[in-house]
mmCIF file of all heavy atoms, coordinates in Angstrom:
data_MODEL
# 
_entry.id   MODEL 
# 
loop_
_atom_site.group_PDB 
_atom_site.id 
_atom_site.type_symbol 
_atom_site.label_atom_id 
_atom_site.label_alt_id 
_atom_site.label_comp_id 
_atom_site.label_asym_id 
_atom_site.label_entity_id 
_atom_site.label_seq_id 
_atom_site.pdbx_PDB_ins_code 
_atom_site.Cartn_x 
_atom_site.Cartn_y 
_atom_site.Cartn_z 
_atom_site.occupancy 
_atom_site.B_iso_or_equiv 
_atom_site.pdbx_formal_charge 
_atom_site.auth_seq_id 
_atom_site.auth_comp_id 
_atom_site.auth_asym_id 
_atom_site.auth_atom_id 
_atom_site.pdbx_PDB_model_num 
ATOM 1   N N   . GLU A 1 1  ? -8.384  -12.797 18.389  1.00 0.00 ? 1  GLU A N   1 
ATOM 2   C CA  . GLU A 1 1  ? -9.579  -13.638 18.552  1.00 0.00 ? 1  GLU A CA  1 
ATOM 3   C C   . GLU A 1 1  ? -10.748 -12.754 19.444  1.00 0.00 ? 1  GLU A C   1 
ATOM 4   O O   . GLU A 1 1  ? -10.333 -12.045 20.335  1.00 0.00 ? 1  GLU A O   1 
ATOM 5   C CB  . GLU A 1 1  ? -9.123  -14.837 19.436  1.00 0.00 ? 1  GLU A CB  1 
ATOM 6   C CG  . GLU A 1 1  ? -8.296  -15.847 18.624  1.00 0.00 ? 1  GLU A CG  1 
ATOM 7   C CD  . GLU A 1 1  ? -8.033  -17.067 19.603  1.00 0.00 ? 1  GLU A CD  1 
ATOM 8   O OE1 . GLU A 1 1  ? -8.547  -17.204 20.599  1.00 0.00 ? 1  GLU A OE1 1 
ATOM 9   O OE2 . GLU A 1 1  ? -7.405  -17.870 19.065  1.00 0.00 ? 1  GLU A OE2 1 
ATOM 10  N N   . GLY A 1 2  ? -11.930 -12.911 18.921  1.00 0.00 ? 2  GLY A N   1 
ATOM 11  C CA  . GLY A 1 2  ? -12.947 -12.225 19.718  1.00 0.00 ? 2  GLY A CA  1 
ATOM 12  C C   . GLY A 1 2  ? -13.048 -10.713 19.354  1.00 0.00 ? 2  GLY A C   1 
ATOM 13  O O   . GLY A 1 2  ? -13.799 -10.139 19.951  1.00 0.00 ? 2  GLY A O   1 
ATOM 14  N N   . VAL A 1 3  ? -12.248 -10.245 18.372  1.00 0.00 ? 3  VAL A N   1 
ATOM 15  C CA  . VAL A 1 3  ? -12.325 -8.845  17.991  1.00 0.00 ? 3  VAL A CA  1 
ATOM 16  C C   . VAL A 1 3  ? -12.704 -8.727  16.523  1.00 0.00 ? 3  VAL A C   1 
ATOM 17  O O   . VAL A 1 3  ? -11.967 -9.444  15.774  1.00 0.00 ? 3  VAL A O   1 
ATOM 18  C CB  . VAL A 1 3  ? -10.817 -8.149  18.222  1.00 0.00 ? 3  VAL A CB  1 
ATOM 19  C CG1 . VAL A 1 3  ? -11.036 -6.659  17.881  1.00 0.00 ? 3  VAL A CG1 1 
ATOM 20  C CG2 . VAL A 1 3  ? -10.534 -8.376  19.656  1.00 0.00 ? 3  VAL A CG2 1 
ATOM 21  N N   . GLU A 1 4  ? -13.607 -7.874  16.277  1.00 0.00 ? 4  GLU A N   1 
ATOM 22  C CA  . GLU A 1 4  ? -13.934 -7.720  14.778  1.00 0.00 ? 4  GLU A CA  1 
ATOM 23  C C   . GLU A 1 4  ? -12.839 -7.089  13.998  1.00 0.00 ? 4  GLU A C   1 
ATOM 24  O O   . GLU A 1 4  ? -11.994 -6.417  14.538  1.00 0.00 ? 4  GLU A O   1 
ATOM 25  C CB  . GLU A 1 4  ? -15.200 -6.850  14.635  1.00 0.00 ? 4  GLU A CB  1 
ATOM 26  C CG  . GLU A 1 4  ? -16.533 -7.446  15.403  1.00 0.00 ? 4  GLU A CG  1 
ATOM 27  C CD  . GLU A 1 4  ? -17.625 -6.565  15.156  1.00 0.00 ? 4  GLU A CD  1 
ATOM 28  O OE1 . GLU A 1 4  ? -17.408 -5.519  14.574  1.00 0.00 ? 4  GLU A OE1 1 
ATOM 29  O OE2 . GLU A 1 4  ? -18.695 -6.955  15.722  1.00 0.00 ? 4  GLU A OE2 1 
ATOM 30  N N   . ASP A 1 5  ? -12.815 -7.488  12.723  1.00 0.00 ? 5  ASP A N   1 
ATOM 31  C CA  . ASP A 1 5  ? -11.870 -7.050  11.726  1.00 0.00 ? 5  ASP A CA  1 
ATOM 32  C C   . ASP A 1 5  ? -11.914 -5.479  11.728  1.00 0.00 ? 5  ASP A C   1 
ATOM 33  O O   . ASP A 1 5  ? -13.034 -4.978  11.613  1.00 0.00 ? 5  ASP A O   1 
ATOM 34  C CB  . ASP A 1 5  ? -11.821 -7.594  10.428  1.00 0.00 ? 5  ASP A CB  1 
ATOM 35  C CG  . ASP A 1 5  ? -11.542 -9.218  10.372  1.00 0.00 ? 5  ASP A CG  1 
ATOM 36  O OD1 . ASP A 1 5  ? -11.021 -9.477  11.380  1.00 0.00 ? 5  ASP A OD1 1 
ATOM 37  O OD2 . ASP A 1 5  ? -11.866 -9.885  9.417   1.00 0.00 ? 5  ASP A OD2 1 
ATOM 38  N N   . VAL A 1 6  ? -10.833 -4.826  11.622  1.00 0.00 ? 6  VAL A N   1 
ATOM 39  C CA  . VAL A 1 6  ? -10.807 -3.413  11.387  1.00 0.00 ? 6  VAL A CA  1 
ATOM 40  C C   . VAL A 1 6  ? -10.550 -3.250  9.874   1.00 0.00 ? 6  VAL A C   1 
ATOM 41  O O   . VAL A 1 6  ? -9.629  -3.653  9.410   1.00 0.00 ? 6  VAL A O   1 
ATOM 42  C CB  . VAL A 1 6  ? -9.637  -2.763  12.301  1.00 0.00 ? 6  VAL A CB  1 
ATOM 43  C CG1 . VAL A 1 6  ? -9.707  -1.203  12.085  1.00 0.00 ? 6  VAL A CG1 1 
ATOM 44  C CG2 . VAL A 1 6  ? -9.890  -3.112  13.661  1.00 0.00 ? 6  VAL A CG2 1 
ATOM 45  N N   . PRO A 1 7  ? -11.363 -2.173  9.328   1.00 0.00 ? 7  PRO A N   1 
ATOM 46  C CA  . PRO A 1 7  ? -11.154 -1.946  7.881   1.00 0.00 ? 7  PRO A CA  1 
ATOM 47  C C   . PRO A 1 7  ? -9.613  -1.473  7.634   1.00 0.00 ? 7  PRO A C   1 
ATOM 48  O O   . PRO A 1 7  ? -9.020  -0.671  8.478   1.00 0.00 ? 7  PRO A O   1 
ATOM 49  C CB  . PRO A 1 7  ? -12.062 -0.807  7.608   1.00 0.00 ? 7  PRO A CB  1 
ATOM 50  C CG  . PRO A 1 7  ? -13.161 -0.954  8.729   1.00 0.00 ? 7  PRO A CG  1 
ATOM 51  C CD  . PRO A 1 7  ? -12.454 -1.562  9.937   1.00 0.00 ? 7  PRO A CD  1 
ATOM 52  N N   . VAL A 1 8  ? -9.131  -1.912  6.564   1.00 0.00 ? 8  VAL A N   1 
ATOM 53  C CA  . VAL A 1 8  ? -7.730  -1.629  6.162   1.00 0.00 ? 8  VAL A CA  1 
ATOM 54  C C   . VAL A 1 8  ? -7.692  -0.460  5.234   1.00 0.00 ? 8  VAL A C   1 
ATOM 55  O O   . VAL A 1 8  ? -8.385  -0.406  4.226   1.00 0.00 ? 8  VAL A O   1 
ATOM 56  C CB  . VAL A 1 8  ? -7.044  -2.936  5.673   1.00 0.00 ? 8  VAL A CB  1 
ATOM 57  C CG1 . VAL A 1 8  ? -5.510  -2.511  5.192   1.00 0.00 ? 8  VAL A CG1 1 
ATOM 58  C CG2 . VAL A 1 8  ? -7.093  -4.061  6.432   1.00 0.00 ? 8  VAL A CG2 1 
ATOM 59  N N   . LYS A 1 9  ? -6.909  0.384   5.488   1.00 0.00 ? 9  LYS A N   1 
ATOM 60  C CA  . LYS A 1 9  ? -6.697  1.657   4.538   1.00 0.00 ? 9  LYS A CA  1 
ATOM 61  C C   . LYS A 1 9  ? -6.259  1.148   3.208   1.00 0.00 ? 9  LYS A C   1 
ATOM 62  O O   . LYS A 1 9  ? -5.389  0.315   3.055   1.00 0.00 ? 9  LYS A O   1 
ATOM 63  C CB  . LYS A 1 9  ? -5.714  2.524   5.099   1.00 0.00 ? 9  LYS A CB  1 
ATOM 64  C CG  . LYS A 1 9  ? -5.498  3.907   4.361   1.00 0.00 ? 9  LYS A CG  1 
ATOM 65  C CD  . LYS A 1 9  ? -4.374  4.825   4.911   1.00 0.00 ? 9  LYS A CD  1 
ATOM 66  C CE  . LYS A 1 9  ? -3.005  4.203   4.801   1.00 0.00 ? 9  LYS A CE  1 
ATOM 67  N NZ  . LYS A 1 9  ? -2.042  5.052   5.333   1.00 0.00 ? 9  LYS A NZ  1 
ATOM 68  N N   . GLN A 1 10 ? -6.755  1.776   2.163   1.00 0.00 ? 10 GLN A N   1 
ATOM 69  C CA  . GLN A 1 10 ? -6.486  1.366   0.870   1.00 0.00 ? 10 GLN A CA  1 
ATOM 70  C C   . GLN A 1 10 ? -4.992  1.868   0.532   1.00 0.00 ? 10 GLN A C   1 
ATOM 71  O O   . GLN A 1 10 ? -4.639  3.132   0.678   1.00 0.00 ? 10 GLN A O   1 
ATOM 72  C CB  . GLN A 1 10 ? -7.386  2.091   -0.274  1.00 0.00 ? 10 GLN A CB  1 
ATOM 73  C CG  . GLN A 1 10 ? -7.079  1.669   -1.569  1.00 0.00 ? 10 GLN A CG  1 
ATOM 74  C CD  . GLN A 1 10 ? -7.361  0.255   -1.865  1.00 0.00 ? 10 GLN A CD  1 
ATOM 75  O OE1 . GLN A 1 10 ? -8.266  -0.352  -1.453  1.00 0.00 ? 10 GLN A OE1 1 
ATOM 76  N NE2 . GLN A 1 10 ? -6.638  -0.291  -2.760  1.00 0.00 ? 10 GLN A NE2 1 
ATOM 77  N N   . GLU A 1 11 ? -4.151  0.942   0.233   1.00 0.00 ? 11 GLU A N   1 
ATOM 78  C CA  . GLU A 1 11 ? -2.762  1.211   -0.083  1.00 0.00 ? 11 GLU A CA  1 
ATOM 79  C C   . GLU A 1 11 ? -2.457  1.258   -1.574  1.00 0.00 ? 11 GLU A C   1 
ATOM 80  O O   . GLU A 1 11 ? -3.223  0.696   -2.363  1.00 0.00 ? 11 GLU A O   1 
ATOM 81  C CB  . GLU A 1 11 ? -1.705  0.247   0.603   1.00 0.00 ? 11 GLU A CB  1 
ATOM 82  C CG  . GLU A 1 11 ? -2.021  0.080   2.113   1.00 0.00 ? 11 GLU A CG  1 
ATOM 83  C CD  . GLU A 1 11 ? -1.267  1.191   2.902   1.00 0.00 ? 11 GLU A CD  1 
ATOM 84  O OE1 . GLU A 1 11 ? -0.851  2.165   2.227   1.00 0.00 ? 11 GLU A OE1 1 
ATOM 85  O OE2 . GLU A 1 11 ? -1.043  1.031   4.065   1.00 0.00 ? 11 GLU A OE2 1 
ATOM 86  N N   . LYS A 1 12 ? -1.276  1.867   -1.837  1.00 0.00 ? 12 LYS A N   1 
ATOM 87  C CA  . LYS A 1 12 ? -0.875  1.761   -3.313  1.00 0.00 ? 12 LYS A CA  1 
ATOM 88  C C   . LYS A 1 12 ? -0.617  0.442   -3.658  1.00 0.00 ? 12 LYS A C   1 
ATOM 89  O O   . LYS A 1 12 ? -0.208  -0.394  -2.957  1.00 0.00 ? 12 LYS A O   1 
ATOM 90  C CB  . LYS A 1 12 ? 0.428   2.712   -3.469  1.00 0.00 ? 12 LYS A CB  1 
ATOM 91  C CG  . LYS A 1 12 ? 0.222   4.135   -3.444  1.00 0.00 ? 12 LYS A CG  1 
ATOM 92  C CD  . LYS A 1 12 ? 1.535   4.856   -3.618  1.00 0.00 ? 12 LYS A CD  1 
ATOM 93  C CE  . LYS A 1 12 ? 1.452   6.397   -3.521  1.00 0.00 ? 12 LYS A CE  1 
ATOM 94  N NZ  . LYS A 1 12 ? 2.746   6.976   -3.792  1.00 0.00 ? 12 LYS A NZ  1 
ATOM 95  N N   . SER A 1 13 ? -0.926  0.133   -5.032  1.00 0.00 ? 13 SER A N   1 
ATOM 96  C CA  . SER A 1 13 ? -0.703  -1.185  -5.540  1.00 0.00 ? 13 SER A CA  1 
ATOM 97  C C   . SER A 1 13 ? 0.922   -1.210  -5.793  1.00 0.00 ? 13 SER A C   1 
ATOM 98  O O   . SER A 1 13 ? 1.628   -0.200  -5.840  1.00 0.00 ? 13 SER A O   1 
ATOM 99  C CB  . SER A 1 13 ? -1.447  -1.374  -6.883  1.00 0.00 ? 13 SER A CB  1 
ATOM 100 O OG  . SER A 1 13 ? -0.867  -0.481  -7.876  1.00 0.00 ? 13 SER A OG  1 
ATOM 101 N N   . PHE A 1 14 ? 1.374   -2.509  -6.011  1.00 0.00 ? 14 PHE A N   1 
ATOM 102 C CA  . PHE A 1 14 ? 2.642   -2.683  -6.268  1.00 0.00 ? 14 PHE A CA  1 
ATOM 103 C C   . PHE A 1 14 ? 3.092   -1.943  -7.634  1.00 0.00 ? 14 PHE A C   1 
ATOM 104 O O   . PHE A 1 14 ? 4.220   -1.414  -7.630  1.00 0.00 ? 14 PHE A O   1 
ATOM 105 C CB  . PHE A 1 14 ? 2.998   -4.324  -6.419  1.00 0.00 ? 14 PHE A CB  1 
ATOM 106 C CG  . PHE A 1 14 ? 4.502   -4.603  -6.570  1.00 0.00 ? 14 PHE A CG  1 
ATOM 107 C CD1 . PHE A 1 14 ? 5.561   -4.040  -5.831  1.00 0.00 ? 14 PHE A CD1 1 
ATOM 108 C CD2 . PHE A 1 14 ? 4.820   -5.344  -7.633  1.00 0.00 ? 14 PHE A CD2 1 
ATOM 109 C CE1 . PHE A 1 14 ? 6.747   -4.449  -6.000  1.00 0.00 ? 14 PHE A CE1 1 
ATOM 110 C CE2 . PHE A 1 14 ? 6.179   -5.671  -7.935  1.00 0.00 ? 14 PHE A CE2 1 
ATOM 111 C CZ  . PHE A 1 14 ? 7.163   -5.239  -7.066  1.00 0.00 ? 14 PHE A CZ  1 
ATOM 112 N N   . ARG A 1 15 ? 2.277   -2.012  -8.564  1.00 0.00 ? 15 ARG A N   1 
ATOM 113 C CA  . ARG A 1 15 ? 2.672   -1.321  -9.857  1.00 0.00 ? 15 ARG A CA  1 
ATOM 114 C C   . ARG A 1 15 ? 2.772   0.237   -9.661  1.00 0.00 ? 15 ARG A C   1 
ATOM 115 O O   . ARG A 1 15 ? 3.619   0.768   -10.271 1.00 0.00 ? 15 ARG A O   1 
ATOM 116 C CB  . ARG A 1 15 ? 1.568   -1.609  -10.896 1.00 0.00 ? 15 ARG A CB  1 
ATOM 117 C CG  . ARG A 1 15 ? 1.768   -1.000  -12.247 1.00 0.00 ? 15 ARG A CG  1 
ATOM 118 C CD  . ARG A 1 15 ? 0.795   -1.518  -13.211 1.00 0.00 ? 15 ARG A CD  1 
ATOM 119 N NE  . ARG A 1 15 ? 1.043   -0.948  -14.557 1.00 0.00 ? 15 ARG A NE  1 
ATOM 120 C CZ  . ARG A 1 15 ? 0.764   0.212   -14.973 1.00 0.00 ? 15 ARG A CZ  1 
ATOM 121 N NH1 . ARG A 1 15 ? 0.103   1.108   -14.207 1.00 0.00 ? 15 ARG A NH1 1 
ATOM 122 N NH2 . ARG A 1 15 ? 1.041   0.714   -16.134 1.00 0.00 ? 15 ARG A NH2 1 
ATOM 123 N N   . GLU A 1 16 ? 1.886   0.722   -8.714  1.00 0.00 ? 16 GLU A N   1 
ATOM 124 C CA  . GLU A 1 16 ? 1.977   2.196   -8.656  1.00 0.00 ? 16 GLU A CA  1 
ATOM 125 C C   . GLU A 1 16 ? 3.244   2.607   -7.759  1.00 0.00 ? 16 GLU A C   1 
ATOM 126 O O   . GLU A 1 16 ? 3.801   3.715   -8.092  1.00 0.00 ? 16 GLU A O   1 
ATOM 127 C CB  . GLU A 1 16 ? 0.820   2.622   -7.723  1.00 0.00 ? 16 GLU A CB  1 
ATOM 128 C CG  . GLU A 1 16 ? -0.613  2.676   -8.539  1.00 0.00 ? 16 GLU A CG  1 
ATOM 129 C CD  . GLU A 1 16 ? -1.721  2.982   -7.540  1.00 0.00 ? 16 GLU A CD  1 
ATOM 130 O OE1 . GLU A 1 16 ? -1.818  2.502   -6.432  1.00 0.00 ? 16 GLU A OE1 1 
ATOM 131 O OE2 . GLU A 1 16 ? -2.662  3.512   -7.943  1.00 0.00 ? 16 GLU A OE2 1 
ATOM 132 N N   . CYS A 1 17 ? 3.732   1.780   -6.883  1.00 0.00 ? 17 CYS A N   1 
ATOM 133 C CA  . CYS A 1 17 ? 4.923   1.853   -6.333  1.00 0.00 ? 17 CYS A CA  1 
ATOM 134 C C   . CYS A 1 17 ? 6.059   2.016   -7.227  1.00 0.00 ? 17 CYS A C   1 
ATOM 135 O O   . CYS A 1 17 ? 6.967   2.823   -7.260  1.00 0.00 ? 17 CYS A O   1 
ATOM 136 C CB  . CYS A 1 17 ? 5.241   0.920   -5.260  1.00 0.00 ? 17 CYS A CB  1 
ATOM 137 S SG  . CYS A 1 17 ? 4.116   0.837   -3.924  1.00 0.00 ? 17 CYS A SG  1 
ATOM 138 N N   . LEU A 1 18 ? 6.189   1.078   -8.228  1.00 0.00 ? 18 LEU A N   1 
ATOM 139 C CA  . LEU A 1 18 ? 7.106   1.036   -9.263  1.00 0.00 ? 18 LEU A CA  1 
ATOM 140 C C   . LEU A 1 18 ? 7.170   2.126   -10.155 1.00 0.00 ? 18 LEU A C   1 
ATOM 141 O O   . LEU A 1 18 ? 8.198   2.532   -10.728 1.00 0.00 ? 18 LEU A O   1 
ATOM 142 C CB  . LEU A 1 18 ? 7.094   -0.385  -10.014 1.00 0.00 ? 18 LEU A CB  1 
ATOM 143 C CG  . LEU A 1 18 ? 7.121   -1.681  -9.250  1.00 0.00 ? 18 LEU A CG  1 
ATOM 144 C CD1 . LEU A 1 18 ? 7.239   -2.820  -10.251 1.00 0.00 ? 18 LEU A CD1 1 
ATOM 145 C CD2 . LEU A 1 18 ? 8.291   -1.626  -8.247  1.00 0.00 ? 18 LEU A CD2 1 
ATOM 146 N N   . MET A 1 19 ? 6.085   2.726   -10.435 1.00 0.00 ? 19 MET A N   1 
ATOM 147 C CA  . MET A 1 19 ? 5.854   3.790   -11.310 1.00 0.00 ? 19 MET A CA  1 
ATOM 148 C C   . MET A 1 19 ? 6.271   5.214   -10.750 1.00 0.00 ? 19 MET A C   1 
ATOM 149 O O   . MET A 1 19 ? 6.182   6.275   -11.434 1.00 0.00 ? 19 MET A O   1 
ATOM 150 C CB  . MET A 1 19 ? 4.374   3.930   -11.987 1.00 0.00 ? 19 MET A CB  1 
ATOM 151 C CG  . MET A 1 19 ? 4.132   2.589   -12.740 1.00 0.00 ? 19 MET A CG  1 
ATOM 152 S SD  . MET A 1 19 ? 5.212   2.314   -14.222 1.00 0.00 ? 19 MET A SD  1 
ATOM 153 C CE  . MET A 1 19 ? 4.899   3.680   -15.158 1.00 0.00 ? 19 MET A CE  1 
ATOM 154 N N   . SER A 1 20 ? 6.301   5.209   -9.351  1.00 0.00 ? 20 SER A N   1 
ATOM 155 C CA  . SER A 1 20 ? 6.646   6.508   -8.677  1.00 0.00 ? 20 SER A CA  1 
ATOM 156 C C   . SER A 1 20 ? 7.993   7.056   -8.919  1.00 0.00 ? 20 SER A C   1 
ATOM 157 O O   . SER A 1 20 ? 8.924   6.195   -9.098  1.00 0.00 ? 20 SER A O   1 
ATOM 158 C CB  . SER A 1 20 ? 6.345   6.316   -7.284  1.00 0.00 ? 20 SER A CB  1 
ATOM 159 O OG  . SER A 1 20 ? 7.268   5.415   -6.618  1.00 0.00 ? 20 SER A OG  1 
ATOM 160 N N   . ARG A 1 21 ? 8.212   8.284   -8.882  1.00 0.00 ? 21 ARG A N   1 
ATOM 161 C CA  . ARG A 1 21 ? 9.527   8.868   -9.024  1.00 0.00 ? 21 ARG A CA  1 
ATOM 162 C C   . ARG A 1 21 ? 10.357  8.582   -7.741  1.00 0.00 ? 21 ARG A C   1 
ATOM 163 O O   . ARG A 1 21 ? 11.674  8.525   -7.906  1.00 0.00 ? 21 ARG A O   1 
ATOM 164 C CB  . ARG A 1 21 ? 9.351   10.472  -9.232  1.00 0.00 ? 21 ARG A CB  1 
ATOM 165 C CG  . ARG A 1 21 ? 8.865   11.165  -7.985  1.00 0.00 ? 21 ARG A CG  1 
ATOM 166 C CD  . ARG A 1 21 ? 8.983   12.623  -8.295  1.00 0.00 ? 21 ARG A CD  1 
ATOM 167 N NE  . ARG A 1 21 ? 8.526   13.389  -7.064  1.00 0.00 ? 21 ARG A NE  1 
ATOM 168 C CZ  . ARG A 1 21 ? 8.305   14.765  -7.125  1.00 0.00 ? 21 ARG A CZ  1 
ATOM 169 N NH1 . ARG A 1 21 ? 8.708   15.427  -8.038  1.00 0.00 ? 21 ARG A NH1 1 
ATOM 170 N NH2 . ARG A 1 21 ? 7.838   15.407  -5.976  1.00 0.00 ? 21 ARG A NH2 1 
ATOM 171 N N   . PHE A 1 22 ? 9.686   8.235   -6.593  1.00 0.00 ? 22 PHE A N   1 
ATOM 172 C CA  . PHE A 1 22 ? 10.645  7.823   -5.482  1.00 0.00 ? 22 PHE A CA  1 
ATOM 173 C C   . PHE A 1 22 ? 11.352  6.592   -5.788  1.00 0.00 ? 22 PHE A C   1 
ATOM 174 O O   . PHE A 1 22 ? 12.532  6.476   -5.529  1.00 0.00 ? 22 PHE A O   1 
ATOM 175 C CB  . PHE A 1 22 ? 9.601   7.633   -4.232  1.00 0.00 ? 22 PHE A CB  1 
ATOM 176 C CG  . PHE A 1 22 ? 9.200   8.792   -3.513  1.00 0.00 ? 22 PHE A CG  1 
ATOM 177 C CD1 . PHE A 1 22 ? 8.220   8.757   -2.590  1.00 0.00 ? 22 PHE A CD1 1 
ATOM 178 C CD2 . PHE A 1 22 ? 9.697   10.074  -3.899  1.00 0.00 ? 22 PHE A CD2 1 
ATOM 179 C CE1 . PHE A 1 22 ? 7.839   9.920   -1.842  1.00 0.00 ? 22 PHE A CE1 1 
ATOM 180 C CE2 . PHE A 1 22 ? 9.221   11.152  -3.246  1.00 0.00 ? 22 PHE A CE2 1 
ATOM 181 C CZ  . PHE A 1 22 ? 8.300   11.010  -2.196  1.00 0.00 ? 22 PHE A CZ  1 
ATOM 182 N N   . PHE A 1 23 ? 10.671  5.647   -6.512  1.00 0.00 ? 23 PHE A N   1 
ATOM 183 C CA  . PHE A 1 23 ? 11.126  4.341   -6.710  1.00 0.00 ? 23 PHE A CA  1 
ATOM 184 C C   . PHE A 1 23 ? 12.386  4.568   -7.703  1.00 0.00 ? 23 PHE A C   1 
ATOM 185 O O   . PHE A 1 23 ? 13.424  4.029   -7.568  1.00 0.00 ? 23 PHE A O   1 
ATOM 186 C CB  . PHE A 1 23 ? 10.158  3.403   -7.367  1.00 0.00 ? 23 PHE A CB  1 
ATOM 187 C CG  . PHE A 1 23 ? 10.815  2.084   -7.805  1.00 0.00 ? 23 PHE A CG  1 
ATOM 188 C CD1 . PHE A 1 23 ? 10.815  1.082   -6.769  1.00 0.00 ? 23 PHE A CD1 1 
ATOM 189 C CD2 . PHE A 1 23 ? 11.183  1.815   -9.038  1.00 0.00 ? 23 PHE A CD2 1 
ATOM 190 C CE1 . PHE A 1 23 ? 11.519  -0.288  -7.208  1.00 0.00 ? 23 PHE A CE1 1 
ATOM 191 C CE2 . PHE A 1 23 ? 11.720  0.649   -9.485  1.00 0.00 ? 23 PHE A CE2 1 
ATOM 192 C CZ  . PHE A 1 23 ? 11.870  -0.424  -8.517  1.00 0.00 ? 23 PHE A CZ  1 
ATOM 193 N N   . VAL A 1 24 ? 12.122  5.283   -8.771  1.00 0.00 ? 24 VAL A N   1 
ATOM 194 C CA  . VAL A 1 24 ? 13.243  5.463   -9.842  1.00 0.00 ? 24 VAL A CA  1 
ATOM 195 C C   . VAL A 1 24 ? 14.366  6.193   -9.332  1.00 0.00 ? 24 VAL A C   1 
ATOM 196 O O   . VAL A 1 24 ? 15.543  5.734   -9.587  1.00 0.00 ? 24 VAL A O   1 
ATOM 197 C CB  . VAL A 1 24 ? 12.578  6.276   -11.009 1.00 0.00 ? 24 VAL A CB  1 
ATOM 198 C CG1 . VAL A 1 24 ? 13.644  6.654   -12.029 1.00 0.00 ? 24 VAL A CG1 1 
ATOM 199 C CG2 . VAL A 1 24 ? 11.422  5.569   -11.708 1.00 0.00 ? 24 VAL A CG2 1 
ATOM 200 N N   . TRP A 1 25 ? 14.249  7.298   -8.574  1.00 0.00 ? 25 TRP A N   1 
ATOM 201 C CA  . TRP A 1 25 ? 15.478  8.046   -8.100  1.00 0.00 ? 25 TRP A CA  1 
ATOM 202 C C   . TRP A 1 25 ? 16.120  7.306   -6.968  1.00 0.00 ? 25 TRP A C   1 
ATOM 203 O O   . TRP A 1 25 ? 17.341  7.409   -6.720  1.00 0.00 ? 25 TRP A O   1 
ATOM 204 C CB  . TRP A 1 25 ? 15.140  9.514   -7.809  1.00 0.00 ? 25 TRP A CB  1 
ATOM 205 C CG  . TRP A 1 25 ? 14.884  10.239  -8.956  1.00 0.00 ? 25 TRP A CG  1 
ATOM 206 C CD1 . TRP A 1 25 ? 13.622  10.920  -9.369  1.00 0.00 ? 25 TRP A CD1 1 
ATOM 207 C CD2 . TRP A 1 25 ? 15.793  10.604  -10.003 1.00 0.00 ? 25 TRP A CD2 1 
ATOM 208 N NE1 . TRP A 1 25 ? 13.780  11.579  -10.476 1.00 0.00 ? 25 TRP A NE1 1 
ATOM 209 C CE2 . TRP A 1 25 ? 15.045  11.373  -10.975 1.00 0.00 ? 25 TRP A CE2 1 
ATOM 210 C CE3 . TRP A 1 25 ? 17.079  10.211  -10.225 1.00 0.00 ? 25 TRP A CE3 1 
ATOM 211 C CZ2 . TRP A 1 25 ? 15.693  11.863  -12.097 1.00 0.00 ? 25 TRP A CZ2 1 
ATOM 212 C CZ3 . TRP A 1 25 ? 17.751  10.748  -11.434 1.00 0.00 ? 25 TRP A CZ3 1 
ATOM 213 C CH2 . TRP A 1 25 ? 17.068  11.531  -12.278 1.00 0.00 ? 25 TRP A CH2 1 
ATOM 214 N N   . HIS A 1 26 ? 15.367  6.588   -6.275  1.00 0.00 ? 26 HIS A N   1 
ATOM 215 C CA  . HIS A 1 26 ? 16.030  5.738   -5.142  1.00 0.00 ? 26 HIS A CA  1 
ATOM 216 C C   . HIS A 1 26 ? 16.965  4.615   -5.763  1.00 0.00 ? 26 HIS A C   1 
ATOM 217 O O   . HIS A 1 26 ? 17.933  4.356   -5.231  1.00 0.00 ? 26 HIS A O   1 
ATOM 218 C CB  . HIS A 1 26 ? 14.786  5.125   -4.315  1.00 0.00 ? 26 HIS A CB  1 
ATOM 219 C CG  . HIS A 1 26 ? 15.507  4.622   -2.880  1.00 0.00 ? 26 HIS A CG  1 
ATOM 220 N ND1 . HIS A 1 26 ? 16.087  5.453   -2.028  1.00 0.00 ? 26 HIS A ND1 1 
ATOM 221 C CD2 . HIS A 1 26 ? 15.685  3.365   -2.514  1.00 0.00 ? 26 HIS A CD2 1 
ATOM 222 C CE1 . HIS A 1 26 ? 16.516  4.644   -0.998  1.00 0.00 ? 26 HIS A CE1 1 
ATOM 223 N NE2 . HIS A 1 26 ? 16.292  3.413   -1.333  1.00 0.00 ? 26 HIS A NE2 1 
# 
């Protein structure tokens, strides 16, 4: 309250997460 919103860093989409090799090999 009383504090302006801080811009949020652009994150990977859920689809991009699923297409990553990290996801597959994990």
